[in-house]
């Protein structure tokens, strides 16, 4: 077995029979990953999240949304 394979970190992703535990190296890498992810968030991140939430709500109900919008426009036109 090559030396670099032996020296590579051993990542544990499941504990079938053993008690689960995290190694300090895993926690350090997880922290670095979370810091990178949080750094990717710009000032428009909250607006993107809100737009995604609206899209996720409206997309499955597109025809109903069109009917409601046209009814509101029609009632507004009649009221004027």
PDB file of N, CA and C in Angstrom:
ATOM      1  N   UNK A   1       0.848  -1.171   0.000  1.00  0.00           N
ATOM      2  CA  UNK A   1       0.000   0.000   0.000  1.00  0.00           C
ATOM      3  C   UNK A   1       0.894   1.234   0.000  1.00  0.00           C
ATOM      4  N   UNK A   2       0.597   2.254  -0.877  1.00  0.00           N
ATOM      5  CA  UNK A   2       1.421   3.468  -0.913  1.00  0.00           C
ATOM      6  C   UNK A   2       1.342   4.231   0.407  1.00  0.00           C
ATOM      7  N   UNK A   3       2.380   4.985   0.695  1.00  0.00           N
ATOM      8  CA  UNK A   3       2.466   5.715   1.962  1.00  0.00           C
ATOM      9  C   UNK A   3       1.421   6.815   2.057  1.00  0.00           C
ATOM     10  N   UNK A   4       1.079   7.460   0.908  1.00  0.00           N
ATOM     11  CA  UNK A   4       0.100   8.549   0.978  1.00  0.00           C
ATOM     12  C   UNK A   4      -1.304   8.043   1.272  1.00  0.00           C
ATOM     13  N   UNK A   5      -1.599   6.803   0.911  1.00  0.00           N
ATOM     14  CA  UNK A   5      -2.915   6.236   1.226  1.00  0.00           C
ATOM     15  C   UNK A   5      -3.004   5.934   2.713  1.00  0.00           C
ATOM     16  N   UNK A   6      -1.919   5.481   3.293  1.00  0.00           N
ATOM     17  CA  UNK A   6      -1.908   5.166   4.720  1.00  0.00           C
ATOM     18  C   UNK A   6      -2.016   6.446   5.537  1.00  0.00           C
ATOM     19  N   UNK A   7      -1.387   7.528   5.081  1.00  0.00           N
ATOM     20  CA  UNK A   7      -1.379   8.778   5.826  1.00  0.00           C
ATOM     21  C   UNK A   7      -2.659   9.591   5.629  1.00  0.00           C
ATOM     22  N   UNK A   8      -3.505   9.187   4.680  1.00  0.00           N
ATOM     23  CA  UNK A   8      -4.732   9.934   4.418  1.00  0.00           C
ATOM     24  C   UNK A   8      -5.666   9.836   5.622  1.00  0.00           C
ATOM     25  N   UNK A   9      -6.441  10.884   5.859  1.00  0.00           N
ATOM     26  CA  UNK A   9      -7.363  10.841   7.001  1.00  0.00           C
ATOM     27  C   UNK A   9      -8.448   9.797   6.793  1.00  0.00           C
ATOM     28  N   UNK A  10      -8.890   9.222   7.861  1.00  0.00           N
ATOM     29  CA  UNK A  10      -9.950   8.223   7.819  1.00  0.00           C
ATOM     30  C   UNK A  10     -11.243   8.908   8.251  1.00  0.00           C
ATOM     31  N   UNK A  11     -12.191   9.020   7.311  1.00  0.00           N
ATOM     32  CA  UNK A  11     -13.455   9.663   7.586  1.00  0.00           C
ATOM     33  C   UNK A  11     -14.467   8.611   7.983  1.00  0.00           C
ATOM     34  N   UNK A  12     -15.107   8.824   9.108  1.00  0.00           N
ATOM     35  CA  UNK A  12     -16.139   7.904   9.545  1.00  0.00           C
ATOM     36  C   UNK A  12     -17.491   8.541   9.251  1.00  0.00           C
ATOM     37  N   UNK A  13     -18.281   7.852   8.454  1.00  0.00           N
ATOM     38  CA  UNK A  13     -19.588   8.405   8.091  1.00  0.00           C
ATOM     39  C   UNK A  13     -20.735   7.655   8.734  1.00  0.00           C
ATOM     40  N   UNK A  14     -20.464   6.504   9.316  1.00  0.00           N
ATOM     41  CA  UNK A  14     -21.525   5.742   9.958  1.00  0.00           C
ATOM     42  C   UNK A  14     -20.940   4.949  11.116  1.00  0.00           C
ATOM     43  N   UNK A  15     -21.755   4.729  12.091  1.00  0.00           N
ATOM     44  CA  UNK A  15     -21.336   3.881  13.203  1.00  0.00           C
ATOM     45  C   UNK A  15     -22.403   2.805  13.358  1.00  0.00           C
ATOM     46  N   UNK A  16     -22.126   1.666  12.804  1.00  0.00           N
ATOM     47  CA  UNK A  16     -23.129   0.596  12.805  1.00  0.00           C
ATOM     48  C   UNK A  16     -23.185  -0.074  14.170  1.00  0.00           C
ATOM     49  N   UNK A  17     -22.057  -0.553  14.623  1.00  0.00           N
ATOM     50  CA  UNK A  17     -22.059  -1.257  15.902  1.00  0.00           C
ATOM     51  C   UNK A  17     -21.398  -0.448  17.004  1.00  0.00           C
ATOM     52  N   UNK A  18     -20.610   0.538  16.624  1.00  0.00           N
ATOM     53  CA  UNK A  18     -19.881   1.331  17.611  1.00  0.00           C
ATOM     54  C   UNK A  18     -20.668   2.582  17.981  1.00  0.00           C
ATOM     55  N   UNK A  19     -20.277   3.190  19.059  1.00  0.00           N
ATOM     56  CA  UNK A  19     -20.865   4.470  19.443  1.00  0.00           C
ATOM     57  C   UNK A  19     -20.342   5.539  18.495  1.00  0.00           C
ATOM     58  N   UNK A  20     -21.200   6.466  18.117  1.00  0.00           N
ATOM     59  CA  UNK A  20     -20.763   7.508  17.189  1.00  0.00           C
ATOM     60  C   UNK A  20     -19.909   8.528  17.929  1.00  0.00           C
ATOM     61  N   UNK A  21     -18.876   8.961  17.261  1.00  0.00           N
ATOM     62  CA  UNK A  21     -17.980   9.962  17.816  1.00  0.00           C
ATOM     63  C   UNK A  21     -17.371  10.745  16.667  1.00  0.00           C
ATOM     64  N   UNK A  22     -17.032  11.979  16.910  1.00  0.00           N
ATOM     65  CA  UNK A  22     -16.386  12.792  15.892  1.00  0.00           C
ATOM     66  C   UNK A  22     -14.957  13.049  16.296  1.00  0.00           C
ATOM     67  N   UNK A  23     -14.092  12.980  15.330  1.00  0.00           N
ATOM     68  CA  UNK A  23     -12.681  13.251  15.564  1.00  0.00           C
ATOM     69  C   UNK A  23     -12.467  14.759  15.520  1.00  0.00           C
ATOM     70  N   UNK A  24     -11.447  15.266  16.207  1.00  0.00           N
ATOM     71  CA  UNK A  24     -11.179  16.707  16.158  1.00  0.00           C
ATOM     72  C   UNK A  24     -10.932  17.205  14.731  1.00  0.00           C
ATOM     73  N   UNK A  25     -10.298  16.377  13.891  1.00  0.00           N
ATOM     74  CA  UNK A  25     -10.050  16.788  12.520  1.00  0.00           C
ATOM     75  C   UNK A  25     -11.374  16.947  11.766  1.00  0.00           C
ATOM     76  N   UNK A  26     -12.326  16.084  12.005  1.00  0.00           N
ATOM     77  CA  UNK A  26     -13.629  16.197  11.354  1.00  0.00           C
ATOM     78  C   UNK A  26     -14.343  17.472  11.774  1.00  0.00           C
ATOM     79  N   UNK A  27     -14.281  17.789  13.057  1.00  0.00           N
ATOM     80  CA  UNK A  27     -14.924  19.018  13.537  1.00  0.00           C
ATOM     81  C   UNK A  27     -14.255  20.254  12.963  1.00  0.00           C
ATOM     82  N   UNK A  28     -12.949  20.222  12.821  1.00  0.00           N
ATOM     83  CA  UNK A  28     -12.217  21.358  12.250  1.00  0.00           C
ATOM     84  C   UNK A  28     -12.604  21.539  10.784  1.00  0.00           C
ATOM     85  N   UNK A  29     -12.673  20.447  10.033  1.00  0.00           N
ATOM     86  CA  UNK A  29     -13.055  20.529   8.623  1.00  0.00           C
ATOM     87  C   UNK A  29     -14.496  20.967   8.465  1.00  0.00           C
ATOM     88  N   UNK A  30     -15.376  20.501   9.347  1.00  0.00           N
ATOM     89  CA  UNK A  30     -16.772  20.932   9.303  1.00  0.00           C
ATOM     90  C   UNK A  30     -16.878  22.429   9.571  1.00  0.00           C
ATOM     91  N   UNK A  31     -16.136  22.919  10.547  1.00  0.00           N
ATOM     92  CA  UNK A  31     -16.130  24.353  10.834  1.00  0.00           C
ATOM     93  C   UNK A  31     -15.621  25.162   9.665  1.00  0.00           C
ATOM     94  N   UNK A  32     -14.566  24.672   9.005  1.00  0.00           N
ATOM     95  CA  UNK A  32     -14.036  25.375   7.833  1.00  0.00           C
ATOM     96  C   UNK A  32     -15.058  25.389   6.706  1.00  0.00           C
ATOM     97  N   UNK A  33     -15.753  24.290   6.524  1.00  0.00           N
ATOM     98  CA  UNK A  33     -16.778  24.213   5.482  1.00  0.00           C
ATOM     99  C   UNK A  33     -17.921  25.185   5.766  1.00  0.00           C
ATOM    100  N   UNK A  34     -18.358  25.232   6.991  1.00  0.00           N
ATOM    101  CA  UNK A  34     -19.455  26.142   7.351  1.00  0.00           C
ATOM    102  C   UNK A  34     -19.018  27.590   7.186  1.00  0.00           C
ATOM    103  N   UNK A  35     -17.787  27.905   7.532  1.00  0.00           N
ATOM    104  CA  UNK A  35     -17.290  29.269   7.336  1.00  0.00           C
ATOM    105  C   UNK A  35     -17.256  29.634   5.857  1.00  0.00           C
ATOM    106  N   UNK A  36     -16.849  28.685   4.990  1.00  0.00           N
ATOM    107  CA  UNK A  36     -16.848  28.948   3.548  1.00  0.00           C
ATOM    108  C   UNK A  36     -18.276  29.161   3.049  1.00  0.00           C
ATOM    109  N   UNK A  37     -19.207  28.339   3.519  1.00  0.00           N
ATOM    110  CA  UNK A  37     -20.600  28.483   3.089  1.00  0.00           C
ATOM    111  C   UNK A  37     -21.184  29.815   3.552  1.00  0.00           C
ATOM    112  N   UNK A  38     -20.911  30.193   4.780  1.00  0.00           N
ATOM    113  CA  UNK A  38     -21.415  31.472   5.280  1.00  0.00           C
ATOM    114  C   UNK A  38     -20.768  32.640   4.558  1.00  0.00           C
ATOM    115  N   UNK A  39     -19.529  32.477   4.115  1.00  0.00           N
ATOM    116  CA  UNK A  39     -18.854  33.537   3.372  1.00  0.00           C
ATOM    117  C   UNK A  39     -19.437  33.733   1.988  1.00  0.00           C
ATOM    118  N   UNK A  40     -20.066  32.711   1.430  1.00  0.00           N
ATOM    119  CA  UNK A  40     -20.673  32.811   0.100  1.00  0.00           C
ATOM    120  C   UNK A  40     -21.960  33.616   0.133  1.00  0.00           C
ATOM    121  N   UNK A  41     -22.528  33.792   1.282  1.00  0.00           N
ATOM    122  CA  UNK A  41     -23.774  34.543   1.388  1.00  0.00           C
ATOM    123  C   UNK A  41     -23.473  36.024   1.259  1.00  0.00           C
ATOM    124  N   UNK A  42     -24.098  36.628   0.295  1.00  0.00           N
ATOM    125  CA  UNK A  42     -23.926  38.061   0.100  1.00  0.00           C
ATOM    126  C   UNK A  42     -25.017  38.827   0.803  1.00  0.00           C
ATOM    127  N   UNK A  43     -25.096  40.099   0.503  1.00  0.00           N
ATOM    128  CA  UNK A  43     -26.107  40.931   1.143  1.00  0.00           C
ATOM    129  C   UNK A  43     -27.499  40.659   0.592  1.00  0.00           C
ATOM    130  N   UNK A  44     -27.578  40.004  -0.568  1.00  0.00           N
ATOM    131  CA  UNK A  44     -28.863  39.703  -1.184  1.00  0.00           C
ATOM    132  C   UNK A  44     -29.344  38.300  -0.853  1.00  0.00           C
ATOM    133  N   UNK A  45     -28.679  37.607   0.053  1.00  0.00           N
ATOM    134  CA  UNK A  45     -29.023  36.221   0.367  1.00  0.00           C
ATOM    135  C   UNK A  45     -30.437  36.096   0.917  1.00  0.00           C
ATOM    136  N   UNK A  46     -30.841  36.979   1.809  1.00  0.00           N
ATOM    137  CA  UNK A  46     -32.193  36.916   2.391  1.00  0.00           C
ATOM    138  C   UNK A  46     -33.254  37.149   1.316  1.00  0.00           C
ATOM    139  N   UNK A  47     -32.973  38.058   0.385  1.00  0.00           N
ATOM    140  CA  UNK A  47     -33.920  38.318  -0.700  1.00  0.00           C
ATOM    141  C   UNK A  47     -34.034  37.106  -1.617  1.00  0.00           C
ATOM    142  N   UNK A  48     -32.915  36.443  -1.900  1.00  0.00           N
ATOM    143  CA  UNK A  48     -32.956  35.226  -2.713  1.00  0.00           C
ATOM    144  C   UNK A  48     -33.749  34.130  -2.015  1.00  0.00           C
ATOM    145  N   UNK A  49     -33.578  34.008  -0.709  1.00  0.00           N
ATOM    146  CA  UNK A  49     -34.331  33.002   0.050  1.00  0.00           C
ATOM    147  C   UNK A  49     -35.824  33.298   0.001  1.00  0.00           C
ATOM    148  N   UNK A  50     -36.195  34.561   0.142  1.00  0.00           N
ATOM    149  CA  UNK A  50     -37.607  34.939   0.083  1.00  0.00           C
ATOM    150  C   UNK A  50     -38.170  34.679  -1.313  1.00  0.00           C
ATOM    151  N   UNK A  51     -37.402  35.006  -2.357  1.00  0.00           N
ATOM    152  CA  UNK A  51     -37.855  34.754  -3.725  1.00  0.00           C
ATOM    153  C   UNK A  51     -38.019  33.260  -3.976  1.00  0.00           C
ATOM    154  N   UNK A  52     -37.100  32.454  -3.456  1.00  0.00           N
ATOM    155  CA  UNK A  52     -37.229  31.000  -3.591  1.00  0.00           C
ATOM    156  C   UNK A  52     -38.472  30.485  -2.875  1.00  0.00           C
ATOM    157  N   UNK A  53     -38.760  31.032  -1.706  1.00  0.00           N
ATOM    158  CA  UNK A  53     -39.941  30.598  -0.962  1.00  0.00           C
ATOM    159  C   UNK A  53     -41.223  30.966  -1.706  1.00  0.00           C
ATOM    160  N   UNK A  54     -41.268  32.170  -2.277  1.00  0.00           N
ATOM    161  CA  UNK A  54     -42.440  32.583  -3.050  1.00  0.00           C
ATOM    162  C   UNK A  54     -42.577  31.703  -4.287  1.00  0.00           C
ATOM    163  N   UNK A  55     -41.473  31.447  -4.961  1.00  0.00           N
ATOM    164  CA  UNK A  55     -41.515  30.596  -6.155  1.00  0.00           C
ATOM    165  C   UNK A  55     -41.979  29.187  -5.806  1.00  0.00           C
ATOM    166  N   UNK A  56     -41.466  28.646  -4.703  1.00  0.00           N
ATOM    167  CA  UNK A  56     -41.874  27.302  -4.289  1.00  0.00           C
ATOM    168  C   UNK A  56     -43.353  27.242  -3.925  1.00  0.00           C
ATOM    169  N   UNK A  57     -43.909  28.346  -3.470  1.00  0.00           N
ATOM    170  CA  UNK A  57     -45.330  28.379  -3.137  1.00  0.00           C
ATOM    171  C   UNK A  57     -46.188  28.556  -4.390  1.00  0.00           C
ATOM    172  N   UNK A  58     -45.756  29.426  -5.292  1.00  0.00           N
ATOM    173  CA  UNK A  58     -46.577  29.782  -6.444  1.00  0.00           C
ATOM    174  C   UNK A  58     -46.475  28.750  -7.563  1.00  0.00           C
ATOM    175  N   UNK A  59     -45.312  28.179  -7.785  1.00  0.00           N
ATOM    176  CA  UNK A  59     -45.097  27.297  -8.939  1.00  0.00           C
ATOM    177  C   UNK A  59     -46.092  26.136  -9.015  1.00  0.00           C
ATOM    178  N   UNK A  60     -46.363  25.407  -7.931  1.00  0.00           N
ATOM    179  CA  UNK A  60     -47.333  24.321  -8.052  1.00  0.00           C
ATOM    180  C   UNK A  60     -48.767  24.813  -8.236  1.00  0.00           C
ATOM    181  N   UNK A  61     -48.997  26.052  -7.913  1.00  0.00           N
ATOM    182  CA  UNK A  61     -50.354  26.611  -7.985  1.00  0.00           C
ATOM    183  C   UNK A  61     -50.434  27.687  -9.068  1.00  0.00           C
ATOM    184  N   UNK A  62     -49.731  27.496 -10.184  1.00  0.00           N
ATOM    185  CA  UNK A  62     -49.622  28.539 -11.198  1.00  0.00           C
ATOM    186  C   UNK A  62     -50.974  28.897 -11.807  1.00  0.00           C
ATOM    187  N   UNK A  63     -51.761  27.911 -12.178  1.00  0.00           N
ATOM    188  CA  UNK A  63     -53.055  28.181 -12.799  1.00  0.00           C
ATOM    189  C   UNK A  63     -53.988  28.871 -11.805  1.00  0.00           C
ATOM    190  N   UNK A  64     -53.995  28.403 -10.574  1.00  0.00           N
ATOM    191  CA  UNK A  64     -54.823  29.036  -9.549  1.00  0.00           C
ATOM    192  C   UNK A  64     -54.374  30.469  -9.316  1.00  0.00           C
ATOM    193  N   UNK A  65     -53.064  30.701  -9.304  1.00  0.00           N
ATOM    194  CA  UNK A  65     -52.536  32.051  -9.121  1.00  0.00           C
ATOM    195  C   UNK A  65     -52.982  32.956 -10.270  1.00  0.00           C
ATOM    196  N   UNK A  66     -52.953  32.444 -11.499  1.00  0.00           N
ATOM    197  CA  UNK A  66     -53.415  33.239 -12.640  1.00  0.00           C
ATOM    198  C   UNK A  66     -54.897  33.570 -12.521  1.00  0.00           C
ATOM    199  N   UNK A  67     -55.698  32.617 -12.092  1.00  0.00           N
ATOM    200  CA  UNK A  67     -57.133  32.864 -11.926  1.00  0.00           C
ATOM    201  C   UNK A  67     -57.402  33.903 -10.848  1.00  0.00           C
ATOM    202  N   UNK A  68     -56.708  33.791  -9.741  1.00  0.00           N
ATOM    203  CA  UNK A  68     -56.894  34.764  -8.656  1.00  0.00           C
ATOM    204  C   UNK A  68     -56.430  36.145  -9.100  1.00  0.00           C
ATOM    205  N   UNK A  69     -55.298  36.222  -9.796  1.00  0.00           N
ATOM    206  CA  UNK A  69     -54.792  37.515 -10.270  1.00  0.00           C
ATOM    207  C   UNK A  69     -55.755  38.147 -11.273  1.00  0.00           C
ATOM    208  N   UNK A  70     -56.281  37.333 -12.183  1.00  0.00           N
ATOM    209  CA  UNK A  70     -57.221  37.893 -13.158  1.00  0.00           C
ATOM    210  C   UNK A  70     -58.521  38.319 -12.481  1.00  0.00           C
ATOM    211  N   UNK A  71     -58.966  37.595 -11.461  1.00  0.00           N
ATOM    212  CA  UNK A  71     -60.177  37.991 -10.736  1.00  0.00           C
ATOM    213  C   UNK A  71     -59.956  39.313 -10.002  1.00  0.00           C
ATOM    214  N   UNK A  72     -58.801  39.471  -9.392  1.00  0.00           N
ATOM    215  CA  UNK A  72     -58.496  40.729  -8.687  1.00  0.00           C
ATOM    216  C   UNK A  72     -58.430  41.879  -9.686  1.00  0.00           C
ATOM    217  N   UNK A  73     -57.793  41.659 -10.821  1.00  0.00           N
ATOM    218  CA  UNK A  73     -57.713  42.718 -11.844  1.00  0.00           C
ATOM    219  C   UNK A  73     -59.107  43.036 -12.367  1.00  0.00           C
ATOM    220  N   UNK A  74     -59.914  42.005 -12.610  1.00  0.00           N
ATOM    221  CA  UNK A  74     -61.282  42.232 -13.094  1.00  0.00           C
ATOM    222  C   UNK A  74     -62.133  42.982 -12.086  1.00  0.00           C
ATOM    223  N   UNK A  75     -62.062  42.619 -10.830  1.00  0.00           N
ATOM    224  CA  UNK A  75     -62.837  43.323  -9.799  1.00  0.00           C
ATOM    225  C   UNK A  75     -62.364  44.753  -9.628  1.00  0.00           C
ATOM    226  N   UNK A  76     -61.071  44.972  -9.756  1.00  0.00           N
ATOM    227  CA  UNK A  76     -60.545  46.342  -9.663  1.00  0.00           C
ATOM    228  C   UNK A  76     -61.043  47.172 -10.848  1.00  0.00           C
ATOM    229  N   UNK A  77     -61.071  46.569 -12.021  1.00  0.00           N
ATOM    230  CA  UNK A  77     -61.546  47.299 -13.202  1.00  0.00           C
ATOM    231  C   UNK A  77     -63.042  47.630 -13.072  1.00  0.00           C
ATOM    232  N   UNK A  78     -63.812  46.711 -12.499  1.00  0.00           N
ATOM    233  CA  UNK A  78     -65.242  46.979 -12.302  1.00  0.00           C
ATOM    234  C   UNK A  78     -65.479  48.039 -11.231  1.00  0.00           C
ATOM    235  N   UNK A  79     -64.646  48.068 -10.251  1.00  0.00           N
ATOM    236  CA  UNK A  79     -64.815  49.039  -9.167  1.00  0.00           C
ATOM    237  C   UNK A  79     -64.484  50.456  -9.619  1.00  0.00           C
ATOM    238  N   UNK A  80     -63.647  50.572 -10.611  1.00  0.00           N
ATOM    239  CA  UNK A  80     -63.281  51.925 -11.081  1.00  0.00           C
ATOM    240  C   UNK A  80     -64.305  52.363 -12.037  1.00  0.00           C
TER     241      UNK A  80
END
